[in-house]
Amino acid sequence: MRTSPLRRALISAAALGAVVSLASCAGGSTAPASTSDGSASATQAGARVAVAYEGGILVLDGETLETVADFESEPFTRLNAAGDGRHVMVTMSEGFQVLDTAAGTTDEPELTDTVFEADTPGHVVRHADKTVLYADGTSDTTIFETADLASADGLPEVETIPGVEAHHGVSVVLEDGTFLTTVGNADGRNGIVAKDAEGAEIASSDQCPGVHGEGTAKDEAVVFGCENGALIFQDGEITKVDAPDQPYGRMGNAYVSETSPIIVGDYKNDVDAESYLLSAVTLIDTEAKTLEVVDLPAGVEYTFRDIVRGPEDLAYILSSDGAIHVLDPETGEITDSFPVVEAWEGPAEWQDAHPAIVVAGNVAYVTEPASNSVHAVDLTTGEVLASTELDVTPNEIAPAAG
């Protein structure tokens, strides 16, 4: 098996260091941003896509990819859909700032003054009609009803669950109020703990070195990646599934569909590998409680930004060869491929702009930093529905849908 492998420019060196030191899914950290008026008139209300570039965020029309608005931001920001089909959470130095894309309304997009304060904002999780925000600097978890984001005047009502020891982590809240969160400290991360709606511990595991990322599959089976496999939490119990490579076979990002029991994860088995390109995936069957590693065809390599789940619960891999490859999680086979962008090389650092794919329904949005472009692709046919060339280089991207 082969795995090759962010207020303005006056950013403090300490803040920049915080960004660089975080793992590839972590939120950025610097000073707060100021906003500007939209640089283009609003298009017809509908789907919207947010695109971060160095020092700013664009809002694009989801169908035409025309620029609807342009806002000043920090030099590096991360974007996550809030889960209500309209808002995007922007990781700023003060916390998670709310970007209103005005999707489905006649309003203008706005980078609002609403900020969920957080020390080193990290993961954003959407599940069970709730949005869950994690602060790496304190390990505090902030939870709110996703629908309240649009109706609240400012911050919606939130529940904050204090962290124990700060680390780069993530939390999930299930339908019945079960709270899952990672366990770690400044020296490392080693597992998860599950508590019921009243806060009583119901399960825990310390058998997950380097625990990172999460994904919720069918029947609320939740997977957390480990450096030697993964943990599966379901029905109050935790199961460890081992990677075939020991002591190091890392899954750190999960790509899920809540209607499929199979989680597709990234995979790396060379701890010393310097490249961010990967050439194998994990298939974790949450019903059978198994983990399988599948080598991808020669030339098919990706980063953490390059896998999504889409139509028919299939996985779509944006590869460095410029094509989207369709992977059937049931079989581990590539069933189709269609070219979208020019071939590209892996980034020198994970924050560097490199092609990314996100999905809204049957449509994937693909960035192509080398040509300052964004493309909309019909995942059912492979047809490129729209393309646009920007005046800036796209980096992070998030559809308001999700």
Protein backbone atom coordinates (compact mmCIF):
# COMPACT_ATOMS: atom_id res chain seq x y z
CA MET A 1 0.00 0.00 0.00
CA ARG A 2 1.30 3.45 -0.89
CA THR A 3 0.52 6.80 0.79
CA SER A 4 2.38 9.79 -0.52
CA PRO A 5 1.51 11.85 1.47
CA LEU A 6 -6.05 34.86 8.66
CA ARG A 7 -8.79 42.21 10.98
CA ARG A 8 -5.90 42.01 8.24
CA ALA A 9 -2.27 41.71 7.39
CA LEU A 10 -1.11 42.96 10.79
CA ILE A 11 -1.46 39.54 12.23
CA SER A 12 0.57 38.70 15.29
CA ALA A 13 3.22 36.06 15.04
CA ALA A 14 1.69 34.21 17.96
CA ALA A 15 -1.70 34.02 16.29
CA LEU A 16 -0.18 32.83 13.08
CA GLY A 17 1.68 30.17 14.96
CA ALA A 18 -1.58 28.97 16.46
CA VAL A 19 -3.01 28.50 13.00
CA VAL A 20 -0.03 26.66 11.64
CA SER A 21 0.23 24.32 14.62
CA LEU A 22 -3.30 22.99 14.29
CA ALA A 23 -4.17 19.87 12.40
CA SER A 24 -5.56 20.07 8.90
CA CYS A 25 -9.21 20.33 9.90
CA ALA A 26 -8.72 22.98 12.62
CA GLY A 27 -10.12 26.49 12.66
CA GLY A 28 -7.93 29.50 11.96
CA SER A 29 -6.96 31.95 14.67
CA THR A 30 -6.22 35.67 14.38
CA ALA A 31 -7.79 39.10 14.95
CA PRO A 32 -11.45 39.95 14.19
CA ALA A 33 -12.49 40.92 10.73
CA SER A 34 -14.18 44.06 9.49
CA THR A 35 -16.86 43.87 6.83
CA SER A 36 -17.48 45.70 3.62
CA ASP A 37 -20.49 46.15 1.41
CA GLY A 38 -21.10 43.54 -1.25
CA SER A 39 -18.98 44.27 -4.27
CA ALA A 40 -21.67 43.12 -6.68
CA SER A 41 -25.42 43.54 -6.76
CA ALA A 42 -27.39 40.63 -5.40
CA THR A 43 -28.50 38.04 -7.89
CA GLN A 44 -31.76 36.18 -7.77
CA ALA A 45 -32.25 34.62 -4.33
CA GLY A 46 -31.32 30.95 -4.24
CA ALA A 47 -28.45 28.67 -3.42
CA ARG A 48 -25.25 30.40 -2.37
CA VAL A 49 -21.64 29.33 -1.99
CA ALA A 50 -18.99 31.00 0.19
CA VAL A 51 -15.39 31.07 -1.01
CA ALA A 52 -12.51 32.24 1.17
CA TYR A 53 -9.42 33.83 -0.30
CA GLU A 54 -6.46 35.57 1.32
CA GLY A 55 -8.00 38.52 3.18
CA GLY A 56 -11.59 38.05 2.08
CA ILE A 57 -14.69 35.96 1.47
CA LEU A 58 -16.81 35.89 -1.68
CA VAL A 59 -20.44 34.83 -1.84
CA LEU A 60 -21.31 33.26 -5.17
CA ASP A 61 -24.64 32.44 -6.76
CA GLY A 62 -24.95 28.69 -6.57
CA GLU A 63 -26.24 28.30 -10.13
CA THR A 64 -24.37 30.89 -12.17
CA LEU A 65 -21.32 31.24 -9.88
CA GLU A 66 -21.56 35.01 -10.32
CA THR A 67 -20.15 37.01 -7.40
CA VAL A 68 -22.96 38.28 -5.17
CA ALA A 69 -20.86 39.87 -2.42
CA ASP A 70 -17.27 40.36 -1.33
CA PHE A 71 -16.22 40.87 2.32
CA GLU A 72 -12.96 41.66 4.03
CA SER A 73 -11.72 38.91 6.25
CA GLU A 74 -8.61 37.75 7.99
CA PRO A 75 -5.74 36.46 5.88
CA PHE A 76 -6.72 32.83 6.48
CA THR A 77 -10.23 31.75 7.40
CA ARG A 78 -12.03 28.44 7.45
CA LEU A 79 -15.62 28.00 6.31
CA ASN A 80 -18.30 25.56 7.46
CA ALA A 81 -21.98 25.39 6.58
CA ALA A 82 -24.09 26.17 9.66
CA GLY A 83 -26.66 23.60 8.58
CA ASP A 84 -29.72 25.81 7.91
CA GLY A 85 -29.18 26.30 4.19
CA ARG A 86 -28.39 30.00 4.63
CA HIS A 87 -25.55 30.68 7.04
CA VAL A 88 -21.86 29.81 7.08
CA MET A 89 -19.64 29.74 10.14
CA VAL A 90 -16.37 31.60 9.56
CA THR A 91 -13.48 30.81 11.89
CA MET A 92 -12.00 34.14 13.00
CA SER A 93 -9.59 34.88 15.82
CA GLU A 94 -12.40 35.87 18.22
CA GLY A 95 -14.46 32.81 17.43
CA PHE A 96 -17.04 31.63 14.93
CA GLN A 97 -18.42 34.62 12.99
CA VAL A 98 -21.73 34.22 11.16
CA LEU A 99 -21.84 34.85 7.43
CA ASP A 100 -25.41 35.29 6.18
CA THR A 101 -25.41 34.32 2.51
CA ALA A 102 -29.10 35.41 2.25
CA ALA A 103 -29.83 32.23 0.31
CA GLY A 104 -33.56 31.83 -0.40
CA THR A 105 -34.35 35.42 0.57
CA THR A 106 -34.39 38.86 -1.04
CA ASP A 107 -31.84 40.14 1.50
CA GLU A 108 -28.25 41.07 0.76
CA PRO A 109 -25.49 38.81 2.07
CA GLU A 110 -23.83 40.05 5.24
CA LEU A 111 -20.79 39.13 7.25
CA THR A 112 -22.67 39.80 10.47
CA ASP A 113 -21.42 41.08 13.83
CA THR A 114 -22.66 37.86 15.40
CA VAL A 115 -19.73 35.92 16.83
CA PHE A 116 -19.78 32.80 18.94
CA GLU A 117 -16.71 33.56 21.04
CA ALA A 118 -14.19 30.78 21.16
CA ASP A 119 -10.54 30.40 22.06
CA THR A 120 -9.05 28.90 18.91
CA PRO A 121 -12.23 27.88 17.07
CA GLY A 122 -12.07 24.47 15.48
CA HIS A 123 -14.61 21.92 14.37
CA VAL A 124 -18.22 22.64 13.38
CA VAL A 125 -20.59 19.67 13.50
CA ARG A 126 -24.17 19.58 12.23
CA HIS A 127 -26.44 16.78 13.40
CA ALA A 128 -29.89 16.19 14.89
CA ASP A 129 -31.03 19.78 14.06
CA LYS A 130 -28.21 21.19 16.17
CA THR A 131 -24.99 22.97 15.33
CA VAL A 132 -22.05 22.16 17.58
CA LEU A 133 -18.97 24.41 17.86
CA TYR A 134 -15.71 23.31 19.44
CA ALA A 135 -13.03 25.61 20.91
CA ASP A 136 -9.62 23.99 20.88
CA GLY A 137 -8.16 26.55 23.30
CA THR A 138 -10.51 25.52 26.13
CA SER A 139 -12.19 22.36 24.83
CA ASP A 140 -15.55 24.06 25.52
CA THR A 141 -18.45 22.94 23.35
CA THR A 142 -21.19 25.39 22.26
CA ILE A 143 -24.51 23.94 21.11
CA PHE A 144 -27.56 25.64 19.58
CA GLU A 145 -30.64 24.74 17.60
CA THR A 146 -29.67 25.27 13.99
CA ALA A 147 -33.02 26.80 13.02
CA ASP A 148 -32.62 29.49 15.71
CA LEU A 149 -29.75 31.06 13.81
CA ALA A 150 -32.08 32.70 11.29
CA SER A 151 -34.73 33.82 13.79
CA ALA A 152 -32.48 35.11 16.58
CA ASP A 153 -31.63 38.79 16.96
CA GLY A 154 -27.93 38.26 17.39
CA LEU A 155 -26.76 35.10 19.08
CA PRO A 156 -29.34 32.34 19.50
CA GLU A 157 -29.76 30.66 22.86
CA VAL A 158 -26.83 28.34 23.43
CA GLU A 159 -25.74 25.61 25.78
CA THR A 160 -22.06 25.54 26.67
CA ILE A 161 -20.45 22.40 28.00
CA PRO A 162 -17.11 23.27 29.62
CA GLY A 163 -14.08 21.35 28.52
CA VAL A 164 -11.74 19.49 30.87
CA GLU A 165 -8.32 19.93 29.26
CA ALA A 166 -7.68 21.95 26.12
CA HIS A 167 -6.85 20.05 22.95
CA HIS A 168 -7.71 19.94 19.28
CA GLY A 169 -10.99 18.06 19.48
CA VAL A 170 -14.57 17.69 18.42
CA SER A 171 -18.01 17.04 19.96
CA VAL A 172 -21.25 15.55 18.70
CA VAL A 173 -24.80 15.63 20.11
CA LEU A 174 -27.20 12.83 19.17
CA GLU A 175 -30.98 12.82 18.84
CA ASP A 176 -31.55 11.65 22.43
CA GLY A 177 -29.15 14.24 23.87
CA THR A 178 -26.17 11.90 24.16
CA PHE A 179 -23.00 14.00 24.18
CA LEU A 180 -19.83 12.64 22.64
CA THR A 181 -16.53 14.46 22.93
CA THR A 182 -12.86 13.74 22.49
CA VAL A 183 -10.44 13.42 25.39
CA GLY A 184 -6.94 14.88 25.42
CA ASN A 185 -4.61 17.62 26.58
CA ALA A 186 -1.63 19.65 25.39
CA ASP A 187 0.44 16.50 25.16
CA GLY A 188 -1.93 14.50 22.98
CA ARG A 189 -5.34 12.98 22.44
CA ASN A 190 -6.30 9.45 23.24
CA GLY A 191 -10.01 8.76 23.10
CA ILE A 192 -13.62 9.76 23.62
CA VAL A 193 -16.23 9.92 26.36
CA ALA A 194 -20.01 9.60 26.00
CA LYS A 195 -22.48 11.17 28.44
CA ASP A 196 -26.27 11.01 28.56
CA ALA A 197 -28.56 14.05 28.42
CA GLU A 198 -28.19 14.50 32.20
CA GLY A 199 -24.41 14.49 31.99
CA ALA A 200 -23.76 11.02 33.40
CA GLU A 201 -20.98 9.08 31.73
CA ILE A 202 -22.22 6.05 29.84
CA ALA A 203 -19.10 4.95 27.94
CA SER A 204 -15.49 5.89 27.34
CA SER A 205 -12.39 4.67 25.56
CA ASP A 206 -8.73 5.61 25.76
CA GLN A 207 -7.76 3.31 22.90
CA CYS A 208 -7.67 5.98 20.19
CA PRO A 209 -4.26 7.64 19.94
CA GLY A 210 -4.35 10.93 18.05
CA VAL A 211 -8.15 10.90 17.95
CA HIS A 212 -9.25 13.26 15.21
CA GLY A 213 -12.40 14.00 13.24
CA GLU A 214 -15.82 12.43 13.40
CA GLY A 215 -18.70 11.37 11.21
CA THR A 216 -22.23 10.16 11.87
CA ALA A 217 -23.59 7.40 9.68
CA LYS A 218 -26.92 5.59 9.44
CA ASP A 219 -28.70 4.83 12.72
CA GLU A 220 -26.47 7.38 14.52
CA ALA A 221 -23.34 5.32 14.41
CA VAL A 222 -20.54 7.79 15.11
CA VAL A 223 -16.96 7.16 14.04
CA PHE A 224 -13.84 8.89 15.39
CA GLY A 225 -10.52 8.43 13.64
CA CYS A 226 -7.42 7.10 15.42
CA GLU A 227 -3.77 6.70 14.47
CA ASN A 228 -4.27 2.95 14.52
CA GLY A 229 -7.85 2.55 13.35
CA ALA A 230 -11.13 4.05 14.56
CA LEU A 231 -13.73 4.07 17.33
CA ILE A 232 -17.39 3.40 16.59
CA PHE A 233 -20.04 4.59 19.09
CA GLN A 234 -23.53 3.21 18.69
CA ASP A 235 -26.36 2.35 21.07
CA GLY A 236 -24.33 3.30 24.13
CA GLU A 237 -21.32 1.16 23.30
CA ILE A 238 -17.86 1.87 21.89
CA THR A 239 -16.15 -0.54 19.54
CA LYS A 240 -12.52 -0.25 18.43
CA VAL A 241 -11.70 -1.33 14.89
CA ASP A 242 -8.04 -1.73 14.07
CA ALA A 243 -6.19 -0.61 10.97
CA PRO A 244 -4.27 -3.32 9.12
CA ASP A 245 -1.05 -1.31 9.56
CA GLN A 246 0.21 -1.17 13.14
CA PRO A 247 1.21 0.76 15.12
CA TYR A 248 0.42 3.49 12.59
CA GLY A 249 -2.53 3.36 10.21
CA ARG A 250 -4.25 6.72 10.58
CA MET A 251 -7.80 7.73 9.73
CA GLY A 252 -8.37 11.40 10.60
CA ASN A 253 -11.31 12.58 8.48
CA ALA A 254 -14.66 10.85 7.92
CA TYR A 255 -16.87 11.37 4.88
CA VAL A 256 -20.38 10.23 5.68
CA SER A 257 -23.96 9.90 4.59
CA GLU A 258 -26.58 9.56 7.30
CA THR A 259 -28.43 7.04 5.11
CA SER A 260 -25.45 4.73 4.68
CA PRO A 261 -23.84 2.52 7.33
CA ILE A 262 -20.46 2.78 5.61
CA ILE A 263 -18.08 5.60 6.41
CA VAL A 264 -15.36 6.51 3.94
CA GLY A 265 -12.23 7.78 5.65
CA ASP A 266 -8.84 9.00 4.57
CA TYR A 267 -5.85 6.80 5.27
CA LYS A 268 -2.15 7.26 5.92
CA ASN A 269 0.27 4.57 6.99
CA ASP A 270 3.60 6.41 6.78
CA VAL A 271 4.07 8.64 9.81
CA ASP A 272 7.12 10.28 8.21
CA ALA A 273 5.50 11.06 4.86
CA GLU A 274 5.81 14.76 4.04
CA SER A 275 3.29 14.99 1.21
CA TYR A 276 -0.36 15.71 1.94
CA LEU A 277 -1.47 13.54 -0.97
CA LEU A 278 -3.01 10.20 -0.02
CA SER A 279 -3.66 7.20 -2.21
CA ALA A 280 -5.83 4.88 -0.11
CA VAL A 281 -9.14 5.15 1.76
CA THR A 282 -10.73 3.34 4.67
CA LEU A 283 -14.18 1.80 4.44
CA ILE A 284 -15.71 1.41 7.91
CA ASP A 285 -18.86 -0.67 8.08
CA THR A 286 -20.66 0.52 11.21
CA GLU A 287 -23.07 -2.42 11.13
CA ALA A 288 -20.48 -5.14 10.77
CA LYS A 289 -17.95 -3.16 12.85
CA THR A 290 -15.16 -3.67 10.33
CA LEU A 291 -12.43 -1.50 8.80
CA GLU A 292 -11.01 -2.15 5.36
CA VAL A 293 -8.27 -0.23 3.57
CA VAL A 294 -8.64 0.16 -0.19
CA ASP A 295 -5.78 1.23 -2.41
CA LEU A 296 -6.88 3.62 -5.14
CA PRO A 297 -5.86 3.17 -8.77
CA ALA A 298 -2.48 4.49 -9.81
CA GLY A 299 -2.53 8.28 -10.18
CA VAL A 300 -5.62 8.78 -7.97
CA GLU A 301 -4.43 10.85 -5.01
CA TYR A 302 -6.24 13.35 -2.80
CA THR A 303 -6.06 15.54 0.33
CA PHE A 304 -8.47 15.99 3.23
CA ARG A 305 -10.40 18.55 1.11
CA ASP A 306 -11.06 16.18 -1.74
CA ILE A 307 -13.68 13.59 -0.73
CA VAL A 308 -17.44 14.12 -0.40
CA ARG A 309 -20.50 11.90 -0.23
CA GLY A 310 -23.18 12.62 -2.80
CA PRO A 311 -25.97 11.05 -4.84
CA GLU A 312 -26.79 7.42 -4.04
CA ASP A 313 -24.49 7.57 -1.01
CA LEU A 314 -21.49 7.25 -3.32
CA ALA A 315 -18.13 8.84 -2.54
CA TYR A 316 -16.64 11.38 -4.94
CA ILE A 317 -12.88 11.86 -4.91
CA LEU A 318 -11.33 14.93 -6.53
CA SER A 319 -7.96 13.57 -7.54
CA SER A 320 -4.67 15.25 -8.36
CA ASP A 321 -5.08 13.94 -11.91
CA GLY A 322 -7.86 16.53 -12.33
CA ALA A 323 -10.81 14.13 -12.36
CA ILE A 324 -13.62 13.31 -9.98
CA HIS A 325 -13.57 9.58 -9.38
CA VAL A 326 -16.76 7.88 -8.18
CA LEU A 327 -16.22 5.25 -5.50
CA ASP A 328 -18.86 2.74 -4.44
CA PRO A 329 -18.45 2.32 -0.65
CA GLU A 330 -20.18 -1.05 -0.82
CA THR A 331 -17.53 -2.56 -3.05
CA GLY A 332 -14.57 -0.20 -2.81
CA GLU A 333 -14.52 0.02 -6.61
CA ILE A 334 -14.15 3.13 -8.77
CA THR A 335 -17.26 3.04 -10.98
CA ASP A 336 -16.86 6.23 -13.01
CA SER A 337 -14.52 9.14 -13.55
CA PHE A 338 -14.92 12.52 -15.21
CA PRO A 339 -12.38 15.28 -15.78
CA VAL A 340 -13.03 18.69 -14.19
CA VAL A 341 -9.77 20.57 -13.57
CA GLU A 342 -6.20 20.43 -14.73
CA ALA A 343 -3.85 18.04 -12.98
CA TRP A 344 -2.39 19.50 -9.78
CA GLU A 345 0.26 18.86 -7.16
CA GLY A 346 -0.25 18.49 -3.43
CA PRO A 347 0.18 21.55 -1.16
CA ALA A 348 3.39 22.27 0.72
CA GLU A 349 1.29 23.15 3.79
CA TRP A 350 -2.28 22.08 4.46
CA GLN A 351 -3.49 25.71 4.58
CA ASP A 352 -2.18 26.38 1.08
CA ALA A 353 -4.81 26.83 -1.62
CA HIS A 354 -5.31 23.59 -3.50
CA PRO A 355 -8.32 22.03 -5.23
CA ALA A 356 -11.27 21.24 -2.99
CA ILE A 357 -14.71 19.73 -3.48
CA VAL A 358 -17.94 20.34 -1.52
CA VAL A 359 -21.44 19.17 -2.30
CA ALA A 360 -25.02 20.50 -2.14
CA GLY A 361 -27.57 17.96 -3.32
CA ASN A 362 -26.42 16.55 -6.64
CA VAL A 363 -24.10 19.47 -7.36
CA ALA A 364 -20.45 19.59 -6.43
CA TYR A 365 -18.50 22.83 -6.24
CA VAL A 366 -14.85 22.47 -7.14
CA THR A 367 -12.09 25.03 -6.68
CA GLU A 368 -9.16 25.31 -9.06
CA PRO A 369 -6.64 27.71 -7.47
CA ALA A 370 -4.16 27.44 -10.34
CA SER A 371 -6.64 29.22 -12.64
CA ASN A 372 -8.52 31.18 -9.90
CA SER A 373 -11.63 29.25 -10.89
CA VAL A 374 -14.67 27.59 -9.36
CA HIS A 375 -16.75 24.98 -11.16
CA ALA A 376 -20.22 23.53 -10.53
CA VAL A 377 -20.52 19.88 -11.51
CA ASP A 378 -23.57 17.62 -11.77
CA LEU A 379 -22.43 14.52 -9.92
CA THR A 380 -25.04 12.33 -11.60
CA THR A 381 -23.72 13.01 -15.09
CA GLY A 382 -20.27 14.54 -14.69
CA GLU A 383 -21.40 17.61 -16.63
CA VAL A 384 -19.77 20.92 -15.71
CA LEU A 385 -22.83 23.14 -15.22
CA ALA A 386 -21.02 26.45 -14.72
CA SER A 387 -17.52 27.82 -14.31
CA THR A 388 -16.22 31.19 -13.22
CA GLU A 389 -12.80 32.80 -13.14
CA LEU A 390 -12.28 34.97 -10.06
CA ASP A 391 -9.98 37.93 -9.46
CA VAL A 392 -8.65 36.13 -6.39
CA THR A 393 -7.36 32.68 -5.58
CA PRO A 394 -10.01 30.46 -3.95
CA ASN A 395 -9.03 28.49 -0.88
CA GLU A 396 -11.74 27.33 1.52
CA ILE A 397 -15.24 26.79 0.12
CA ALA A 398 -18.63 25.98 1.71
CA PRO A 399 -22.16 25.82 0.30
CA ALA A 400 -24.84 27.39 2.51
CA ALA A 401 -26.77 24.17 2.10
CA GLY A 402 -25.92 21.36 4.48
